[in-house]
Amino acid sequence: MKRFLFVMRQLPHSGIKLQEQLDVILTTAAFDQKVSLLFLDNGVFQLKKQQQAQHYGLKDTLAIFNALAIYDIQQLYVEIESLRERGLKTADLALPVVEIYRKDFAVFSQQFDFIG
């Protein structure tokens, strides 16, 4: 089994790119691969509580993140600096995450076979 880390950098309602990335993530997990997600930059907003996707005519991506456990995707990571730079705390997020510091990313990333 390979270990995949998908890096989520886009705003939650940024269009089709995010939907396509989520499709790839769920497909990878459906083939019994170990999948983890890292939220950084504006991607931290994807987990923010109380999103209103209907205002943008898009799918509720937070609902998809809530269903990740069905695909055995349980490791969600967030870069602490990305949260702070955007005025957020982990309490503002809808799902539990593991915090990592930017300076630790090189060591952290070595546990994965694929980063995308």
N, C-alpha and C. Protein backbone atom coordinates (compact mmCIF):
# COMPACT_ATOMS: atom_id res chain seq x y z
N MET A 1 0.84 -1.18 0.00
CA MET A 1 0.00 0.00 0.00
C MET A 1 0.89 1.24 0.00
N LYS A 2 0.59 2.14 -0.91
CA LYS A 2 1.32 3.40 -1.00
C LYS A 2 0.66 4.45 -0.11
N ARG A 3 1.47 5.39 0.33
CA ARG A 3 0.97 6.49 1.17
C ARG A 3 0.94 7.77 0.32
N PHE A 4 -0.23 8.36 0.21
CA PHE A 4 -0.44 9.56 -0.59
C PHE A 4 -0.75 10.74 0.32
N LEU A 5 -0.14 11.88 0.00
CA LEU A 5 -0.47 13.13 0.67
C LEU A 5 -0.95 14.10 -0.40
N PHE A 6 -2.18 14.55 -0.27
CA PHE A 6 -2.72 15.53 -1.19
C PHE A 6 -2.72 16.88 -0.49
N VAL A 7 -2.15 17.86 -1.17
CA VAL A 7 -2.03 19.21 -0.61
C VAL A 7 -3.18 20.05 -1.13
N MET A 8 -3.94 20.58 -0.20
CA MET A 8 -5.11 21.39 -0.50
C MET A 8 -4.76 22.86 -0.30
N ARG A 9 -4.66 23.63 -1.38
CA ARG A 9 -4.24 25.03 -1.31
C ARG A 9 -5.32 26.02 -1.75
N GLN A 10 -6.38 25.54 -2.38
CA GLN A 10 -7.36 26.44 -3.01
C GLN A 10 -8.48 26.81 -2.05
N LEU A 11 -9.07 27.95 -2.33
CA LEU A 11 -10.27 28.36 -1.59
C LEU A 11 -11.37 27.33 -1.79
N PRO A 12 -12.27 27.18 -0.84
CA PRO A 12 -13.28 26.13 -0.93
C PRO A 12 -14.23 26.25 -2.11
N HIS A 13 -14.49 27.43 -2.59
CA HIS A 13 -15.45 27.60 -3.68
C HIS A 13 -14.75 28.20 -4.90
N SER A 14 -13.59 27.63 -5.22
CA SER A 14 -12.77 28.18 -6.30
C SER A 14 -13.07 27.55 -7.65
N GLY A 15 -14.10 26.73 -7.72
CA GLY A 15 -14.50 26.20 -9.02
C GLY A 15 -14.19 24.73 -9.20
N ILE A 16 -14.09 24.37 -10.44
CA ILE A 16 -14.00 22.96 -10.84
C ILE A 16 -12.68 22.30 -10.41
N LYS A 17 -11.61 23.07 -10.27
CA LYS A 17 -10.32 22.49 -9.89
C LYS A 17 -10.41 21.72 -8.58
N LEU A 18 -11.07 22.30 -7.61
CA LEU A 18 -11.21 21.65 -6.31
C LEU A 18 -12.06 20.39 -6.45
N GLN A 19 -13.13 20.46 -7.21
CA GLN A 19 -13.99 19.28 -7.41
C GLN A 19 -13.18 18.14 -8.04
N GLU A 20 -12.35 18.48 -9.03
CA GLU A 20 -11.53 17.46 -9.68
C GLU A 20 -10.51 16.88 -8.72
N GLN A 21 -9.91 17.71 -7.89
CA GLN A 21 -8.95 17.22 -6.92
C GLN A 21 -9.62 16.28 -5.93
N LEU A 22 -10.81 16.61 -5.48
CA LEU A 22 -11.54 15.74 -4.56
C LEU A 22 -11.89 14.41 -5.23
N ASP A 23 -12.22 14.44 -6.50
CA ASP A 23 -12.50 13.19 -7.23
C ASP A 23 -11.27 12.30 -7.26
N VAL A 24 -10.10 12.89 -7.50
CA VAL A 24 -8.85 12.11 -7.52
C VAL A 24 -8.58 11.53 -6.14
N ILE A 25 -8.79 12.32 -5.11
CA ILE A 25 -8.54 11.86 -3.73
C ILE A 25 -9.45 10.68 -3.39
N LEU A 26 -10.73 10.80 -3.67
CA LEU A 26 -11.66 9.73 -3.34
C LEU A 26 -11.41 8.49 -4.18
N THR A 27 -11.03 8.66 -5.43
CA THR A 27 -10.70 7.51 -6.29
C THR A 27 -9.46 6.80 -5.77
N THR A 28 -8.46 7.55 -5.38
CA THR A 28 -7.24 6.95 -4.82
C THR A 28 -7.57 6.15 -3.58
N ALA A 29 -8.35 6.73 -2.70
CA ALA A 29 -8.71 6.04 -1.45
C ALA A 29 -9.56 4.81 -1.73
N ALA A 30 -10.39 4.86 -2.77
CA ALA A 30 -11.26 3.72 -3.10
C ALA A 30 -10.45 2.50 -3.53
N PHE A 31 -9.21 2.74 -3.97
CA PHE A 31 -8.33 1.63 -4.36
C PHE A 31 -7.41 1.22 -3.22
N ASP A 32 -7.90 1.38 -2.00
CA ASP A 32 -7.21 0.92 -0.79
C ASP A 32 -5.80 1.48 -0.62
N GLN A 33 -5.61 2.72 -1.00
CA GLN A 33 -4.35 3.40 -0.76
C GLN A 33 -4.51 4.24 0.51
N LYS A 34 -3.42 4.45 1.20
CA LYS A 34 -3.43 5.26 2.42
C LYS A 34 -3.36 6.73 2.00
N VAL A 35 -4.42 7.48 2.27
CA VAL A 35 -4.53 8.87 1.82
C VAL A 35 -4.61 9.80 3.03
N SER A 36 -3.82 10.86 2.96
CA SER A 36 -3.85 11.93 3.95
C SER A 36 -3.98 13.25 3.21
N LEU A 37 -4.48 14.26 3.90
CA LEU A 37 -4.64 15.58 3.30
C LEU A 37 -3.91 16.62 4.15
N LEU A 38 -3.27 17.56 3.47
CA LEU A 38 -2.62 18.68 4.13
C LEU A 38 -3.25 19.97 3.61
N PHE A 39 -3.77 20.78 4.51
CA PHE A 39 -4.39 22.04 4.16
C PHE A 39 -3.42 23.17 4.47
N LEU A 40 -3.10 23.94 3.44
CA LEU A 40 -2.23 25.07 3.66
C LEU A 40 -2.63 26.22 2.75
N ASP A 41 -2.02 27.37 2.99
CA ASP A 41 -2.38 28.60 2.29
C ASP A 41 -3.90 28.80 2.40
N ASN A 42 -4.55 29.21 1.32
CA ASN A 42 -6.00 29.44 1.37
C ASN A 42 -6.80 28.15 1.50
N GLY A 43 -6.14 27.02 1.35
CA GLY A 43 -6.82 25.73 1.50
C GLY A 43 -7.36 25.51 2.90
N VAL A 44 -6.84 26.23 3.89
CA VAL A 44 -7.35 26.06 5.26
C VAL A 44 -8.82 26.47 5.36
N PHE A 45 -9.26 27.35 4.46
CA PHE A 45 -10.66 27.77 4.46
C PHE A 45 -11.61 26.64 4.05
N GLN A 46 -11.09 25.59 3.42
CA GLN A 46 -11.94 24.47 3.00
C GLN A 46 -12.57 23.77 4.19
N LEU A 47 -11.93 23.83 5.34
CA LEU A 47 -12.45 23.17 6.53
C LEU A 47 -13.17 24.12 7.49
N LYS A 48 -13.27 25.37 7.11
CA LYS A 48 -13.90 26.36 8.00
C LYS A 48 -15.38 26.02 8.19
N LYS A 49 -15.82 26.16 9.41
CA LYS A 49 -17.23 25.93 9.73
C LYS A 49 -18.12 26.94 9.01
N GLN A 50 -19.37 26.55 8.82
CA GLN A 50 -20.44 27.42 8.33
C GLN A 50 -20.18 28.00 6.93
N GLN A 51 -19.77 27.15 6.01
CA GLN A 51 -19.63 27.59 4.62
C GLN A 51 -20.99 27.61 3.94
N GLN A 52 -21.11 28.41 2.90
CA GLN A 52 -22.38 28.53 2.18
C GLN A 52 -22.13 28.36 0.69
N ALA A 53 -21.91 27.13 0.27
CA ALA A 53 -21.60 26.83 -1.13
C ALA A 53 -22.74 27.19 -2.07
N GLN A 54 -23.95 27.11 -1.60
CA GLN A 54 -25.09 27.39 -2.47
C GLN A 54 -25.05 28.81 -3.03
N HIS A 55 -24.41 29.73 -2.34
CA HIS A 55 -24.29 31.11 -2.83
C HIS A 55 -23.45 31.20 -4.09
N TYR A 56 -22.60 30.18 -4.29
CA TYR A 56 -21.71 30.15 -5.44
C TYR A 56 -22.16 29.16 -6.50
N GLY A 57 -23.26 28.49 -6.25
CA GLY A 57 -23.76 27.49 -7.19
C GLY A 57 -22.86 26.27 -7.28
N LEU A 58 -22.16 25.96 -6.21
CA LEU A 58 -21.22 24.84 -6.19
C LEU A 58 -21.64 23.80 -5.17
N LYS A 59 -21.02 22.63 -5.29
CA LYS A 59 -21.25 21.58 -4.29
C LYS A 59 -20.68 22.03 -2.95
N ASP A 60 -21.26 21.50 -1.92
CA ASP A 60 -20.77 21.77 -0.57
C ASP A 60 -19.57 20.87 -0.32
N THR A 61 -18.37 21.41 -0.52
CA THR A 61 -17.17 20.58 -0.37
C THR A 61 -16.97 20.16 1.07
N LEU A 62 -17.44 20.96 2.02
CA LEU A 62 -17.31 20.56 3.42
C LEU A 62 -18.08 19.27 3.69
N ALA A 63 -19.19 19.07 3.01
CA ALA A 63 -19.94 17.82 3.15
C ALA A 63 -19.10 16.65 2.65
N ILE A 64 -18.32 16.87 1.59
CA ILE A 64 -17.44 15.82 1.08
C ILE A 64 -16.36 15.52 2.10
N PHE A 65 -15.78 16.55 2.71
CA PHE A 65 -14.76 16.32 3.73
C PHE A 65 -15.33 15.57 4.93
N ASN A 66 -16.58 15.86 5.26
CA ASN A 66 -17.22 15.13 6.36
C ASN A 66 -17.38 13.65 6.05
N ALA A 67 -17.41 13.28 4.77
CA ALA A 67 -17.58 11.89 4.37
C ALA A 67 -16.25 11.16 4.16
N LEU A 68 -15.14 11.81 4.41
CA LEU A 68 -13.83 11.20 4.15
C LEU A 68 -13.62 9.91 4.94
N ALA A 69 -14.17 9.84 6.13
CA ALA A 69 -13.99 8.65 6.97
C ALA A 69 -14.55 7.40 6.29
N ILE A 70 -15.58 7.56 5.47
CA ILE A 70 -16.14 6.42 4.74
C ILE A 70 -15.07 5.80 3.83
N TYR A 71 -14.17 6.64 3.32
CA TYR A 71 -13.10 6.20 2.44
C TYR A 71 -11.82 5.88 3.22
N ASP A 72 -11.93 5.83 4.53
CA ASP A 72 -10.80 5.58 5.42
C ASP A 72 -9.71 6.65 5.30
N ILE A 73 -10.14 7.87 5.04
CA ILE A 73 -9.22 9.01 5.04
C ILE A 73 -9.43 9.71 6.38
N GLN A 74 -8.48 9.51 7.27
CA GLN A 74 -8.66 10.03 8.61
C GLN A 74 -7.57 10.99 9.04
N GLN A 75 -6.48 11.03 8.29
CA GLN A 75 -5.38 11.91 8.67
C GLN A 75 -5.48 13.23 7.91
N LEU A 76 -5.93 14.25 8.60
CA LEU A 76 -6.02 15.60 8.05
C LEU A 76 -5.02 16.47 8.79
N TYR A 77 -4.18 17.13 8.03
CA TYR A 77 -3.15 17.98 8.61
C TYR A 77 -3.39 19.42 8.18
N VAL A 78 -3.00 20.36 9.02
CA VAL A 78 -3.11 21.77 8.69
C VAL A 78 -1.81 22.47 9.09
N GLU A 79 -1.37 23.37 8.23
CA GLU A 79 -0.17 24.13 8.54
C GLU A 79 -0.55 25.28 9.47
N ILE A 80 0.08 25.31 10.61
CA ILE A 80 -0.25 26.29 11.65
C ILE A 80 -0.10 27.72 11.14
N GLU A 81 0.97 28.00 10.41
CA GLU A 81 1.19 29.36 9.92
C GLU A 81 0.09 29.80 8.96
N SER A 82 -0.40 28.87 8.13
CA SER A 82 -1.49 29.21 7.20
C SER A 82 -2.75 29.60 7.96
N LEU A 83 -3.03 28.89 9.03
CA LEU A 83 -4.18 29.25 9.87
C LEU A 83 -4.00 30.65 10.46
N ARG A 84 -2.87 30.86 11.09
CA ARG A 84 -2.62 32.14 11.77
C ARG A 84 -2.63 33.32 10.81
N GLU A 85 -2.02 33.14 9.62
CA GLU A 85 -1.96 34.22 8.64
C GLU A 85 -3.35 34.63 8.16
N ARG A 86 -4.32 33.73 8.31
CA ARG A 86 -5.69 34.00 7.86
C ARG A 86 -6.64 34.25 9.03
N GLY A 87 -6.08 34.41 10.23
CA GLY A 87 -6.88 34.73 11.40
C GLY A 87 -7.74 33.58 11.89
N LEU A 88 -7.33 32.35 11.63
CA LEU A 88 -8.10 31.18 12.04
C LEU A 88 -7.37 30.39 13.11
N LYS A 89 -8.16 29.58 13.83
CA LYS A 89 -7.65 28.63 14.81
C LYS A 89 -8.26 27.28 14.49
N THR A 90 -7.72 26.23 15.05
CA THR A 90 -8.30 24.90 14.78
C THR A 90 -9.74 24.83 15.27
N ALA A 91 -10.12 25.62 16.26
CA ALA A 91 -11.51 25.64 16.74
C ALA A 91 -12.47 26.17 15.68
N ASP A 92 -11.95 26.89 14.68
CA ASP A 92 -12.78 27.41 13.60
C ASP A 92 -13.03 26.37 12.51
N LEU A 93 -12.40 25.22 12.63
CA LEU A 93 -12.50 24.19 11.59
C LEU A 93 -13.56 23.16 11.95
N ALA A 94 -14.18 22.60 10.93
CA ALA A 94 -15.29 21.67 11.12
C ALA A 94 -14.84 20.25 11.43
N LEU A 95 -13.58 19.94 11.17
CA LEU A 95 -13.08 18.58 11.40
C LEU A 95 -11.80 18.63 12.23
N PRO A 96 -11.52 17.56 12.96
CA PRO A 96 -10.27 17.53 13.72
C PRO A 96 -9.08 17.39 12.78
N VAL A 97 -8.02 18.12 13.10
CA VAL A 97 -6.81 18.11 12.28
C VAL A 97 -5.59 17.97 13.18
N VAL A 98 -4.50 17.55 12.56
CA VAL A 98 -3.20 17.52 13.23
C VAL A 98 -2.44 18.74 12.71
N GLU A 99 -1.92 19.53 13.62
CA GLU A 99 -1.20 20.74 13.23
C GLU A 99 0.27 20.43 12.95
N ILE A 100 0.79 21.04 11.88
CA ILE A 100 2.23 20.94 11.62
C ILE A 100 2.76 22.34 11.34
N TYR A 101 4.03 22.54 11.68
CA TYR A 101 4.68 23.81 11.40
C TYR A 101 5.35 23.75 10.04
N ARG A 102 5.40 24.89 9.38
CA ARG A 102 6.01 25.01 8.05
C ARG A 102 7.44 24.48 8.06
N LYS A 103 8.19 24.78 9.11
CA LYS A 103 9.59 24.36 9.19
C LYS A 103 9.75 22.85 9.26
N ASP A 104 8.68 22.15 9.64
CA ASP A 104 8.74 20.69 9.79
C ASP A 104 8.26 19.93 8.55
N PHE A 105 7.87 20.66 7.50
CA PHE A 105 7.28 19.99 6.35
C PHE A 105 8.24 19.01 5.67
N ALA A 106 9.51 19.35 5.53
CA ALA A 106 10.46 18.47 4.84
C ALA A 106 10.54 17.11 5.52
N VAL A 107 10.64 17.10 6.82
CA VAL A 107 10.70 15.83 7.56
C VAL A 107 9.35 15.13 7.50
N PHE A 108 8.28 15.88 7.70
CA PHE A 108 6.92 15.33 7.66
C PHE A 108 6.64 14.63 6.32
N SER A 109 7.04 15.25 5.24
CA SER A 109 6.72 14.73 3.90
C SER A 109 7.44 13.44 3.56
N GLN A 110 8.49 13.11 4.26
CA GLN A 110 9.26 11.91 3.96
C GLN A 110 8.49 10.61 4.22
N GLN A 111 7.42 10.66 4.96
CA GLN A 111 6.65 9.45 5.26
C GLN A 111 5.72 9.06 4.12
N PHE A 112 5.64 9.89 3.06
CA PHE A 112 4.71 9.64 1.96
C PHE A 112 5.44 9.21 0.70
N ASP A 113 4.78 8.34 -0.07
CA ASP A 113 5.33 7.87 -1.34
C ASP A 113 4.99 8.84 -2.48
N PHE A 114 3.91 9.56 -2.33
CA PHE A 114 3.44 10.47 -3.36
C PHE A 114 2.88 11.72 -2.71
N ILE A 115 3.26 12.89 -3.23
CA ILE A 115 2.71 14.15 -2.75
C ILE A 115 2.16 14.89 -3.97
N GLY A 116 0.89 15.22 -3.90
CA GLY A 116 0.28 15.88 -5.06
C GLY A 116 -0.69 16.95 -4.66
